[in-house]
Amino acid sequence: MRFTETEIAGVVVVDIEPRTDARGAFARLHCPEEFAAAGHPFAPVQTSLSRNPAAGTLRGLHYQPAPHAEVKLVRCVRGRIFDVAVDLRPASPTHRRWAAAELSADNARALLIPEGVAHGFLTLEADTDVLYQIAPMFEPGHEAGVRWDDPAFGISWPRAPQVISDRDQAFPLYGA
C-alpha cells in the first residue's frame, strides 16, 4: 500500500499496489502492520456499506465527538464518489480546512479519516457503493454533523446535491 498525506494531519489517501498476472489482480486493502509502519495505526472492528442508487447523493458531514470518536477508512467499491474530510479539531493548524479525493471502484483508492475530522461524500455516478471500516465500534446516539455547504469550510463540491437527507440538511453551521 502507498500512503499519501494530505494537508490535514491524519487524513491520508491509501492506494493499493495490486499484483497482476493472467488471472487478473490481487491487492491487500488493509493490514494493521502496514498502517502502523506508515504512522497510522488502525485496526477496524466494524465494516459497513452505504448503497446509493442515485448520482448526486450527498451523505454528511458526519462525525462522532469524544469519547466516542471514530477513525474510518472509506473506499468506493462500486461507482465513484467525491470524498471529503473536514478538520474540526480546534487545536489543529488546519482547523476548518478540508481535503478531498475521488474514490472509485476503478482506482480502488481509500481515504483514512482520523478522530475529530468530519466526513462526507457526493456520489458522481448512479449505483455507487461505499465501504467503511471503522474503529472503535459505532456508538448509537452519539452521532453529530455539520452542514455540507457551511461557508466556514468553503468546500468546492463538483456538483450540487440531488439527494440529501432531512437530517443532513438540518445540521447546524459550524460554531453556530
N, C-alpha and C. Protein backbone atom coordinates (compact mmCIF):
# COMPACT_ATOMS: atom_id res chain seq x y z
N MET A 1 0.83 -1.17 0.00
CA MET A 1 0.00 0.00 0.00
C MET A 1 0.88 1.24 0.00
N ARG A 2 0.36 2.29 -0.63
CA ARG A 2 1.03 3.59 -0.62
C ARG A 2 0.17 4.56 0.18
N PHE A 3 0.80 5.28 1.09
CA PHE A 3 0.13 6.24 1.96
C PHE A 3 0.57 7.65 1.57
N THR A 4 -0.40 8.49 1.19
CA THR A 4 -0.09 9.86 0.79
C THR A 4 -0.80 10.81 1.74
N GLU A 5 0.00 11.58 2.46
CA GLU A 5 -0.55 12.54 3.41
C GLU A 5 -1.26 13.66 2.65
N THR A 6 -2.34 14.16 3.21
CA THR A 6 -3.00 15.36 2.68
C THR A 6 -2.54 16.54 3.52
N GLU A 7 -3.08 17.72 3.25
CA GLU A 7 -2.69 18.89 4.04
C GLU A 7 -3.27 18.84 5.44
N ILE A 8 -4.19 17.92 5.71
CA ILE A 8 -4.80 17.78 7.04
C ILE A 8 -4.15 16.59 7.75
N ALA A 9 -3.54 16.84 8.89
CA ALA A 9 -2.85 15.78 9.63
C ALA A 9 -3.78 14.61 9.90
N GLY A 10 -3.33 13.42 9.54
CA GLY A 10 -4.09 12.20 9.79
C GLY A 10 -5.04 11.81 8.68
N VAL A 11 -5.37 12.73 7.77
CA VAL A 11 -6.19 12.39 6.61
C VAL A 11 -5.23 11.91 5.52
N VAL A 12 -5.37 10.64 5.15
CA VAL A 12 -4.38 10.01 4.29
C VAL A 12 -5.08 9.30 3.14
N VAL A 13 -4.56 9.50 1.93
CA VAL A 13 -5.01 8.74 0.77
C VAL A 13 -4.24 7.42 0.76
N VAL A 14 -4.97 6.32 0.65
CA VAL A 14 -4.35 5.00 0.66
C VAL A 14 -4.59 4.35 -0.69
N ASP A 15 -3.50 4.09 -1.41
CA ASP A 15 -3.58 3.42 -2.70
C ASP A 15 -3.08 1.99 -2.58
N ILE A 16 -3.73 1.12 -3.31
CA ILE A 16 -3.31 -0.28 -3.30
C ILE A 16 -2.15 -0.47 -4.28
N GLU A 17 -1.45 -1.57 -4.12
CA GLU A 17 -0.39 -1.97 -5.03
C GLU A 17 -0.70 -3.39 -5.51
N PRO A 18 -1.59 -3.49 -6.51
CA PRO A 18 -2.02 -4.82 -6.93
C PRO A 18 -0.92 -5.63 -7.60
N ARG A 19 -1.00 -6.92 -7.41
CA ARG A 19 -0.14 -7.87 -8.12
C ARG A 19 -1.00 -8.45 -9.23
N THR A 20 -0.49 -8.38 -10.43
CA THR A 20 -1.28 -8.82 -11.57
C THR A 20 -0.61 -9.99 -12.28
N ASP A 21 -1.44 -10.81 -12.86
CA ASP A 21 -0.98 -11.89 -13.72
C ASP A 21 -2.11 -12.22 -14.70
N ALA A 22 -2.03 -13.32 -15.37
CA ALA A 22 -3.01 -13.69 -16.39
C ALA A 22 -4.42 -13.82 -15.81
N ARG A 23 -4.54 -14.08 -14.52
CA ARG A 23 -5.86 -14.24 -13.89
C ARG A 23 -6.53 -12.92 -13.59
N GLY A 24 -5.74 -11.85 -13.47
CA GLY A 24 -6.27 -10.56 -13.06
C GLY A 24 -5.35 -9.93 -12.04
N ALA A 25 -5.93 -9.43 -10.95
CA ALA A 25 -5.14 -8.73 -9.94
C ALA A 25 -5.58 -9.14 -8.54
N PHE A 26 -4.65 -8.98 -7.60
CA PHE A 26 -4.91 -9.22 -6.18
C PHE A 26 -4.21 -8.11 -5.42
N ALA A 27 -4.90 -7.54 -4.43
CA ALA A 27 -4.30 -6.46 -3.64
C ALA A 27 -4.79 -6.51 -2.21
N ARG A 28 -3.91 -6.15 -1.31
CA ARG A 28 -4.25 -6.02 0.09
C ARG A 28 -4.93 -4.66 0.27
N LEU A 29 -6.09 -4.64 0.95
CA LEU A 29 -6.82 -3.39 1.18
C LEU A 29 -6.54 -2.80 2.55
N HIS A 30 -6.19 -3.65 3.51
CA HIS A 30 -5.87 -3.18 4.85
C HIS A 30 -4.98 -4.19 5.53
N CYS A 31 -3.98 -3.70 6.23
CA CYS A 31 -3.10 -4.53 7.04
C CYS A 31 -2.69 -3.67 8.24
N PRO A 32 -3.07 -4.07 9.46
CA PRO A 32 -2.72 -3.25 10.62
C PRO A 32 -1.23 -2.96 10.73
N GLU A 33 -0.39 -3.92 10.39
CA GLU A 33 1.06 -3.71 10.48
C GLU A 33 1.54 -2.64 9.49
N GLU A 34 1.02 -2.67 8.26
CA GLU A 34 1.42 -1.67 7.27
C GLU A 34 0.94 -0.28 7.66
N PHE A 35 -0.28 -0.18 8.18
CA PHE A 35 -0.79 1.12 8.62
C PHE A 35 0.07 1.65 9.77
N ALA A 36 0.39 0.80 10.73
CA ALA A 36 1.21 1.23 11.87
C ALA A 36 2.60 1.65 11.40
N ALA A 37 3.20 0.90 10.50
CA ALA A 37 4.54 1.24 9.99
C ALA A 37 4.53 2.58 9.26
N ALA A 38 3.40 2.94 8.66
CA ALA A 38 3.27 4.22 7.96
C ALA A 38 2.92 5.35 8.92
N GLY A 39 2.78 5.03 10.22
CA GLY A 39 2.48 6.05 11.22
C GLY A 39 1.00 6.28 11.44
N HIS A 40 0.17 5.35 10.96
CA HIS A 40 -1.29 5.49 11.08
C HIS A 40 -1.89 4.20 11.63
N PRO A 41 -1.65 3.88 12.90
CA PRO A 41 -2.20 2.64 13.44
C PRO A 41 -3.72 2.62 13.31
N PHE A 42 -4.25 1.55 12.76
CA PHE A 42 -5.69 1.45 12.55
C PHE A 42 -6.05 -0.03 12.47
N ALA A 43 -6.91 -0.46 13.39
CA ALA A 43 -7.39 -1.83 13.42
C ALA A 43 -8.92 -1.79 13.48
N PRO A 44 -9.58 -1.83 12.33
CA PRO A 44 -11.04 -1.70 12.32
C PRO A 44 -11.72 -2.86 13.02
N VAL A 45 -12.86 -2.53 13.63
CA VAL A 45 -13.65 -3.55 14.33
C VAL A 45 -15.05 -3.67 13.75
N GLN A 46 -15.36 -2.80 12.79
CA GLN A 46 -16.69 -2.81 12.20
C GLN A 46 -16.55 -2.44 10.73
N THR A 47 -17.34 -3.09 9.87
CA THR A 47 -17.37 -2.77 8.45
C THR A 47 -18.81 -2.52 8.06
N SER A 48 -19.04 -1.40 7.34
CA SER A 48 -20.39 -1.01 6.92
C SER A 48 -20.39 -0.69 5.43
N LEU A 49 -21.58 -0.77 4.83
CA LEU A 49 -21.74 -0.49 3.41
C LEU A 49 -22.85 0.52 3.22
N SER A 50 -22.58 1.54 2.42
CA SER A 50 -23.57 2.56 2.06
C SER A 50 -23.93 2.35 0.59
N ARG A 51 -25.20 2.05 0.30
CA ARG A 51 -25.66 1.87 -1.08
C ARG A 51 -26.38 3.14 -1.51
N ASN A 52 -26.08 3.62 -2.68
CA ASN A 52 -26.59 4.90 -3.17
C ASN A 52 -27.05 4.76 -4.62
N PRO A 53 -28.36 4.61 -4.84
CA PRO A 53 -28.84 4.37 -6.21
C PRO A 53 -28.71 5.58 -7.14
N ALA A 54 -28.74 6.80 -6.61
CA ALA A 54 -28.76 7.99 -7.48
C ALA A 54 -27.42 8.72 -7.49
N ALA A 55 -27.04 9.19 -8.67
CA ALA A 55 -25.91 10.12 -8.76
C ALA A 55 -26.34 11.43 -8.10
N GLY A 56 -25.39 12.12 -7.48
CA GLY A 56 -25.71 13.37 -6.81
C GLY A 56 -26.23 13.18 -5.39
N THR A 57 -26.07 11.98 -4.83
CA THR A 57 -26.46 11.73 -3.44
C THR A 57 -25.36 12.25 -2.52
N LEU A 58 -25.74 13.07 -1.56
CA LEU A 58 -24.77 13.60 -0.60
C LEU A 58 -25.05 12.99 0.77
N ARG A 59 -24.01 12.48 1.40
CA ARG A 59 -24.09 11.98 2.77
C ARG A 59 -23.04 12.73 3.58
N GLY A 60 -23.47 13.34 4.69
CA GLY A 60 -22.50 14.02 5.54
C GLY A 60 -22.87 15.47 5.73
N LEU A 61 -22.06 16.10 6.47
CA LEU A 61 -20.76 15.76 7.01
C LEU A 61 -20.94 15.19 8.41
N HIS A 62 -20.49 13.97 8.63
CA HIS A 62 -20.73 13.24 9.88
C HIS A 62 -19.45 13.05 10.68
N TYR A 63 -19.63 12.95 12.00
CA TYR A 63 -18.53 12.59 12.91
C TYR A 63 -19.14 12.17 14.24
N GLN A 64 -18.33 11.60 15.10
CA GLN A 64 -18.72 11.28 16.47
C GLN A 64 -17.74 11.97 17.39
N PRO A 65 -18.21 12.84 18.27
CA PRO A 65 -17.29 13.53 19.19
C PRO A 65 -16.77 12.57 20.27
N ALA A 66 -15.66 12.98 20.88
CA ALA A 66 -15.10 12.23 22.00
C ALA A 66 -16.15 12.16 23.11
N PRO A 67 -16.22 11.11 23.85
CA PRO A 67 -15.28 9.99 23.92
C PRO A 67 -15.63 8.85 22.95
N HIS A 68 -16.50 9.09 22.00
CA HIS A 68 -16.91 8.04 21.06
C HIS A 68 -16.38 8.30 19.65
N ALA A 69 -15.33 9.09 19.54
CA ALA A 69 -14.76 9.46 18.24
C ALA A 69 -14.31 8.21 17.48
N GLU A 70 -14.46 8.28 16.17
CA GLU A 70 -14.13 7.14 15.30
C GLU A 70 -13.02 7.50 14.33
N VAL A 71 -12.32 6.47 13.89
CA VAL A 71 -11.42 6.52 12.75
C VAL A 71 -12.10 5.69 11.67
N LYS A 72 -12.09 6.20 10.42
CA LYS A 72 -12.75 5.50 9.32
C LYS A 72 -11.78 5.35 8.15
N LEU A 73 -11.85 4.21 7.51
CA LEU A 73 -11.20 4.00 6.23
C LEU A 73 -12.33 3.82 5.23
N VAL A 74 -12.44 4.74 4.27
CA VAL A 74 -13.57 4.80 3.35
C VAL A 74 -13.07 4.43 1.96
N ARG A 75 -13.82 3.53 1.30
CA ARG A 75 -13.43 3.06 -0.03
C ARG A 75 -14.69 2.90 -0.88
N CYS A 76 -14.66 3.34 -2.11
CA CYS A 76 -15.77 3.16 -3.04
C CYS A 76 -15.57 1.83 -3.77
N VAL A 77 -16.52 0.91 -3.63
CA VAL A 77 -16.37 -0.41 -4.23
C VAL A 77 -17.23 -0.60 -5.48
N ARG A 78 -18.11 0.36 -5.74
CA ARG A 78 -18.87 0.37 -7.00
C ARG A 78 -19.22 1.82 -7.29
N GLY A 79 -18.97 2.26 -8.51
CA GLY A 79 -19.26 3.64 -8.87
C GLY A 79 -18.11 4.57 -8.55
N ARG A 80 -18.47 5.82 -8.18
CA ARG A 80 -17.46 6.87 -7.99
C ARG A 80 -18.00 7.94 -7.06
N ILE A 81 -17.15 8.43 -6.14
CA ILE A 81 -17.55 9.48 -5.20
C ILE A 81 -16.49 10.57 -5.10
N PHE A 82 -16.95 11.75 -4.69
CA PHE A 82 -16.08 12.84 -4.26
C PHE A 82 -16.12 12.77 -2.74
N ASP A 83 -15.02 12.35 -2.12
CA ASP A 83 -14.97 12.08 -0.69
C ASP A 83 -14.27 13.24 0.02
N VAL A 84 -14.87 13.72 1.12
CA VAL A 84 -14.40 14.94 1.77
C VAL A 84 -14.17 14.70 3.26
N ALA A 85 -13.08 15.28 3.77
CA ALA A 85 -12.76 15.28 5.20
C ALA A 85 -12.58 16.73 5.63
N VAL A 86 -13.24 17.11 6.74
CA VAL A 86 -13.16 18.48 7.27
C VAL A 86 -12.61 18.43 8.69
N ASP A 87 -11.53 19.16 8.92
CA ASP A 87 -10.87 19.17 10.23
C ASP A 87 -11.67 20.01 11.22
N LEU A 88 -12.22 19.34 12.25
CA LEU A 88 -12.99 20.02 13.30
C LEU A 88 -12.22 20.11 14.61
N ARG A 89 -10.95 19.75 14.60
CA ARG A 89 -10.14 19.77 15.82
C ARG A 89 -9.68 21.21 16.09
N PRO A 90 -10.22 21.84 17.16
CA PRO A 90 -9.93 23.26 17.41
C PRO A 90 -8.44 23.60 17.52
N ALA A 91 -7.62 22.70 18.05
CA ALA A 91 -6.20 22.99 18.23
C ALA A 91 -5.36 22.69 16.99
N SER A 92 -5.98 22.16 15.96
CA SER A 92 -5.25 21.78 14.75
C SER A 92 -4.89 23.01 13.91
N PRO A 93 -3.70 23.04 13.32
CA PRO A 93 -3.33 24.16 12.44
C PRO A 93 -4.18 24.19 11.15
N THR A 94 -4.88 23.09 10.86
CA THR A 94 -5.75 23.06 9.67
C THR A 94 -7.23 23.06 10.06
N HIS A 95 -7.53 23.55 11.27
CA HIS A 95 -8.91 23.63 11.74
C HIS A 95 -9.77 24.33 10.69
N ARG A 96 -10.91 23.73 10.36
CA ARG A 96 -11.90 24.22 9.39
C ARG A 96 -11.48 24.04 7.94
N ARG A 97 -10.32 23.43 7.68
CA ARG A 97 -9.92 23.18 6.30
C ARG A 97 -10.39 21.81 5.88
N TRP A 98 -10.46 21.60 4.58
CA TRP A 98 -10.96 20.34 4.05
C TRP A 98 -9.98 19.76 3.04
N ALA A 99 -10.05 18.46 2.90
CA ALA A 99 -9.29 17.73 1.88
C ALA A 99 -10.27 16.79 1.20
N ALA A 100 -10.03 16.49 -0.06
CA ALA A 100 -10.94 15.62 -0.81
C ALA A 100 -10.14 14.72 -1.75
N ALA A 101 -10.77 13.62 -2.09
CA ALA A 101 -10.20 12.70 -3.08
C ALA A 101 -11.34 12.05 -3.83
N GLU A 102 -11.11 11.77 -5.10
CA GLU A 102 -12.08 10.99 -5.85
C GLU A 102 -11.76 9.52 -5.60
N LEU A 103 -12.75 8.81 -5.09
CA LEU A 103 -12.62 7.38 -4.84
C LEU A 103 -13.53 6.67 -5.83
N SER A 104 -13.04 5.58 -6.40
CA SER A 104 -13.87 4.83 -7.34
C SER A 104 -13.54 3.36 -7.27
N ALA A 105 -14.44 2.55 -7.83
CA ALA A 105 -14.16 1.12 -7.93
C ALA A 105 -12.94 0.90 -8.81
N ASP A 106 -12.76 1.74 -9.81
CA ASP A 106 -11.63 1.59 -10.72
C ASP A 106 -10.28 1.92 -10.07
N ASN A 107 -10.22 3.01 -9.29
CA ASN A 107 -8.91 3.37 -8.73
C ASN A 107 -8.63 2.67 -7.39
N ALA A 108 -9.64 2.06 -6.78
CA ALA A 108 -9.50 1.29 -5.53
C ALA A 108 -8.84 2.08 -4.41
N ARG A 109 -8.86 3.40 -4.52
CA ARG A 109 -8.26 4.29 -3.52
C ARG A 109 -9.16 4.37 -2.29
N ALA A 110 -8.55 4.63 -1.14
CA ALA A 110 -9.30 4.81 0.10
C ALA A 110 -8.84 6.11 0.76
N LEU A 111 -9.69 6.62 1.65
CA LEU A 111 -9.34 7.79 2.43
C LEU A 111 -9.45 7.43 3.90
N LEU A 112 -8.38 7.67 4.64
CA LEU A 112 -8.35 7.44 6.09
C LEU A 112 -8.76 8.73 6.77
N ILE A 113 -9.80 8.66 7.61
CA ILE A 113 -10.36 9.82 8.30
C ILE A 113 -10.10 9.64 9.80
N PRO A 114 -9.29 10.50 10.42
CA PRO A 114 -8.99 10.33 11.84
C PRO A 114 -10.08 10.90 12.75
N GLU A 115 -9.94 10.66 14.03
CA GLU A 115 -10.84 11.23 15.04
C GLU A 115 -10.82 12.76 14.92
N GLY A 116 -11.98 13.37 15.15
CA GLY A 116 -12.07 14.82 15.14
C GLY A 116 -12.22 15.43 13.77
N VAL A 117 -12.36 14.59 12.75
CA VAL A 117 -12.50 15.06 11.38
C VAL A 117 -13.84 14.57 10.85
N ALA A 118 -14.64 15.51 10.35
CA ALA A 118 -15.95 15.15 9.78
C ALA A 118 -15.76 14.56 8.39
N HIS A 119 -16.70 13.72 8.00
CA HIS A 119 -16.62 13.03 6.71
C HIS A 119 -17.93 13.13 5.96
N GLY A 120 -17.83 13.27 4.66
CA GLY A 120 -19.00 13.23 3.80
C GLY A 120 -18.59 12.89 2.38
N PHE A 121 -19.58 12.53 1.57
CA PHE A 121 -19.27 12.27 0.16
C PHE A 121 -20.46 12.60 -0.71
N LEU A 122 -20.15 12.80 -1.99
CA LEU A 122 -21.15 13.04 -3.02
C LEU A 122 -20.94 12.00 -4.10
N THR A 123 -22.01 11.26 -4.44
CA THR A 123 -21.88 10.26 -5.49
C THR A 123 -21.78 10.95 -6.85
N LEU A 124 -20.87 10.47 -7.67
CA LEU A 124 -20.67 11.02 -9.01
C LEU A 124 -21.28 10.14 -10.08
N GLU A 125 -21.76 8.96 -9.68
CA GLU A 125 -22.41 8.02 -10.59
C GLU A 125 -23.58 7.37 -9.86
N ALA A 126 -24.55 6.92 -10.63
CA ALA A 126 -25.65 6.13 -10.06
C ALA A 126 -25.10 4.78 -9.60
N ASP A 127 -25.83 4.15 -8.71
CA ASP A 127 -25.48 2.81 -8.21
C ASP A 127 -24.06 2.75 -7.66
N THR A 128 -23.81 3.61 -6.68
CA THR A 128 -22.50 3.69 -6.05
C THR A 128 -22.55 3.10 -4.64
N ASP A 129 -21.59 2.25 -4.34
CA ASP A 129 -21.49 1.61 -3.03
C ASP A 129 -20.20 2.04 -2.35
N VAL A 130 -20.32 2.40 -1.06
CA VAL A 130 -19.18 2.88 -0.29
C VAL A 130 -19.00 1.98 0.93
N LEU A 131 -17.79 1.47 1.08
CA LEU A 131 -17.44 0.57 2.18
C LEU A 131 -16.69 1.36 3.24
N TYR A 132 -17.12 1.22 4.49
CA TYR A 132 -16.48 1.86 5.63
C TYR A 132 -15.89 0.79 6.53
N GLN A 133 -14.64 0.97 6.95
CA GLN A 133 -14.06 0.20 8.03
C GLN A 133 -13.87 1.18 9.18
N ILE A 134 -14.31 0.81 10.38
CA ILE A 134 -14.44 1.76 11.47
C ILE A 134 -13.82 1.20 12.75
N ALA A 135 -13.22 2.08 13.54
CA ALA A 135 -12.75 1.73 14.88
C ALA A 135 -12.85 2.98 15.74
N PRO A 136 -13.26 2.86 16.97
CA PRO A 136 -13.83 1.68 17.62
C PRO A 136 -15.26 1.45 17.12
N MET A 137 -15.98 0.58 17.81
CA MET A 137 -17.36 0.28 17.44
C MET A 137 -18.20 1.56 17.47
N PHE A 138 -19.11 1.65 16.51
CA PHE A 138 -20.06 2.75 16.45
C PHE A 138 -20.93 2.75 17.71
N GLU A 139 -21.11 3.92 18.30
CA GLU A 139 -21.94 4.06 19.50
C GLU A 139 -23.20 4.84 19.12
N PRO A 140 -24.33 4.15 18.95
CA PRO A 140 -25.57 4.85 18.59
C PRO A 140 -25.91 5.94 19.61
N GLY A 141 -26.50 7.01 19.11
CA GLY A 141 -26.90 8.10 19.98
C GLY A 141 -25.85 9.18 20.16
N HIS A 142 -24.68 8.99 19.55
CA HIS A 142 -23.60 9.97 19.70
C HIS A 142 -23.21 10.59 18.36
N GLU A 143 -24.07 10.42 17.35
CA GLU A 143 -23.78 10.96 16.04
C GLU A 143 -23.86 12.48 16.07
N ALA A 144 -23.04 13.11 15.26
CA ALA A 144 -23.06 14.56 15.11
C ALA A 144 -22.74 14.89 13.66
N GLY A 145 -22.99 16.13 13.31
CA GLY A 145 -22.68 16.54 11.95
C GLY A 145 -22.69 18.04 11.81
N VAL A 146 -22.15 18.49 10.70
CA VAL A 146 -22.16 19.90 10.33
C VAL A 146 -22.62 20.00 8.88
N ARG A 147 -23.06 21.18 8.49
CA ARG A 147 -23.63 21.39 7.16
C ARG A 147 -22.60 21.18 6.05
N TRP A 148 -23.02 20.50 5.03
CA TRP A 148 -22.18 20.23 3.85
C TRP A 148 -21.83 21.51 3.09
N ASP A 149 -22.68 22.54 3.21
CA ASP A 149 -22.48 23.78 2.46
C ASP A 149 -22.10 24.95 3.38
N ASP A 150 -21.55 24.64 4.54
CA ASP A 150 -21.18 25.68 5.51
C ASP A 150 -20.09 26.58 4.93
N PRO A 151 -20.33 27.89 4.89
CA PRO A 151 -19.31 28.80 4.36
C PRO A 151 -18.02 28.81 5.19
N ALA A 152 -18.07 28.35 6.44
CA ALA A 152 -16.86 28.28 7.26
C ALA A 152 -15.84 27.31 6.65
N PHE A 153 -16.30 26.36 5.84
CA PHE A 153 -15.42 25.38 5.23
C PHE A 153 -15.14 25.71 3.76
N GLY A 154 -16.13 26.21 3.05
CA GLY A 154 -15.94 26.57 1.65
C GLY A 154 -15.60 25.39 0.75
N ILE A 155 -16.25 24.27 0.98
CA ILE A 155 -15.97 23.07 0.17
C ILE A 155 -16.41 23.31 -1.28
N SER A 156 -15.55 22.97 -2.21
CA SER A 156 -15.85 23.08 -3.64
C SER A 156 -16.37 21.73 -4.14
N TRP A 157 -17.65 21.50 -3.92
CA TRP A 157 -18.27 20.25 -4.38
C TRP A 157 -18.31 20.28 -5.91
N PRO A 158 -18.14 19.16 -6.58
CA PRO A 158 -18.11 19.15 -8.04
C PRO A 158 -19.47 19.36 -8.70
N ARG A 159 -20.53 19.21 -7.95
CA ARG A 159 -21.88 19.44 -8.45
C ARG A 159 -22.81 19.64 -7.27
N ALA A 160 -23.99 20.17 -7.52
CA ALA A 160 -24.98 20.36 -6.46
C ALA A 160 -25.60 19.01 -6.11
N PRO A 161 -25.84 18.75 -4.84
CA PRO A 161 -26.50 17.51 -4.46
C PRO A 161 -27.93 17.43 -5.01
N GLN A 162 -28.33 16.24 -5.39
CA GLN A 162 -29.69 15.99 -5.86
C GLN A 162 -30.51 15.26 -4.80
N VAL A 163 -29.82 14.48 -3.96
CA VAL A 163 -30.47 13.71 -2.90
C VAL A 163 -29.69 13.96 -1.61
N ILE A 164 -30.40 14.42 -0.58
CA ILE A 164 -29.77 14.65 0.71
C ILE A 164 -30.84 14.42 1.77
N SER A 165 -30.48 13.79 2.87
CA SER A 165 -31.46 13.50 3.91
C SER A 165 -31.86 14.78 4.64
N ASP A 166 -33.06 14.76 5.22
CA ASP A 166 -33.52 15.89 6.03
C ASP A 166 -32.55 16.14 7.18
N ARG A 167 -32.06 15.05 7.79
CA ARG A 167 -31.13 15.18 8.91
C ARG A 167 -29.85 15.89 8.48
N ASP A 168 -29.27 15.46 7.35
CA ASP A 168 -28.03 16.09 6.89
C ASP A 168 -28.27 17.54 6.49
N GLN A 169 -29.40 17.84 5.91
CA GLN A 169 -29.73 19.21 5.51
C GLN A 169 -29.92 20.11 6.74
N ALA A 170 -30.34 19.53 7.86
CA ALA A 170 -30.65 20.30 9.06
C ALA A 170 -29.47 20.45 10.02
N PHE A 171 -28.32 19.83 9.72
CA PHE A 171 -27.18 20.00 10.61
C PHE A 171 -26.88 21.49 10.76
N PRO A 172 -26.36 21.90 11.91
CA PRO A 172 -26.07 23.32 12.13
C PRO A 172 -24.82 23.76 11.38
N LEU A 173 -24.72 25.06 11.21
CA LEU A 173 -23.48 25.63 10.72
C LEU A 173 -22.45 25.46 11.84
N TYR A 174 -21.19 25.29 11.47
CA TYR A 174 -20.12 25.05 12.44
C TYR A 174 -19.98 26.26 13.36
N GLY A 175 -20.00 26.00 14.64
CA GLY A 175 -19.86 27.07 15.63
C GLY A 175 -21.13 27.84 15.89
N ALA A 176 -22.20 27.47 15.20
CA ALA A 176 -23.48 28.19 15.38
C ALA A 176 -24.21 27.69 16.61
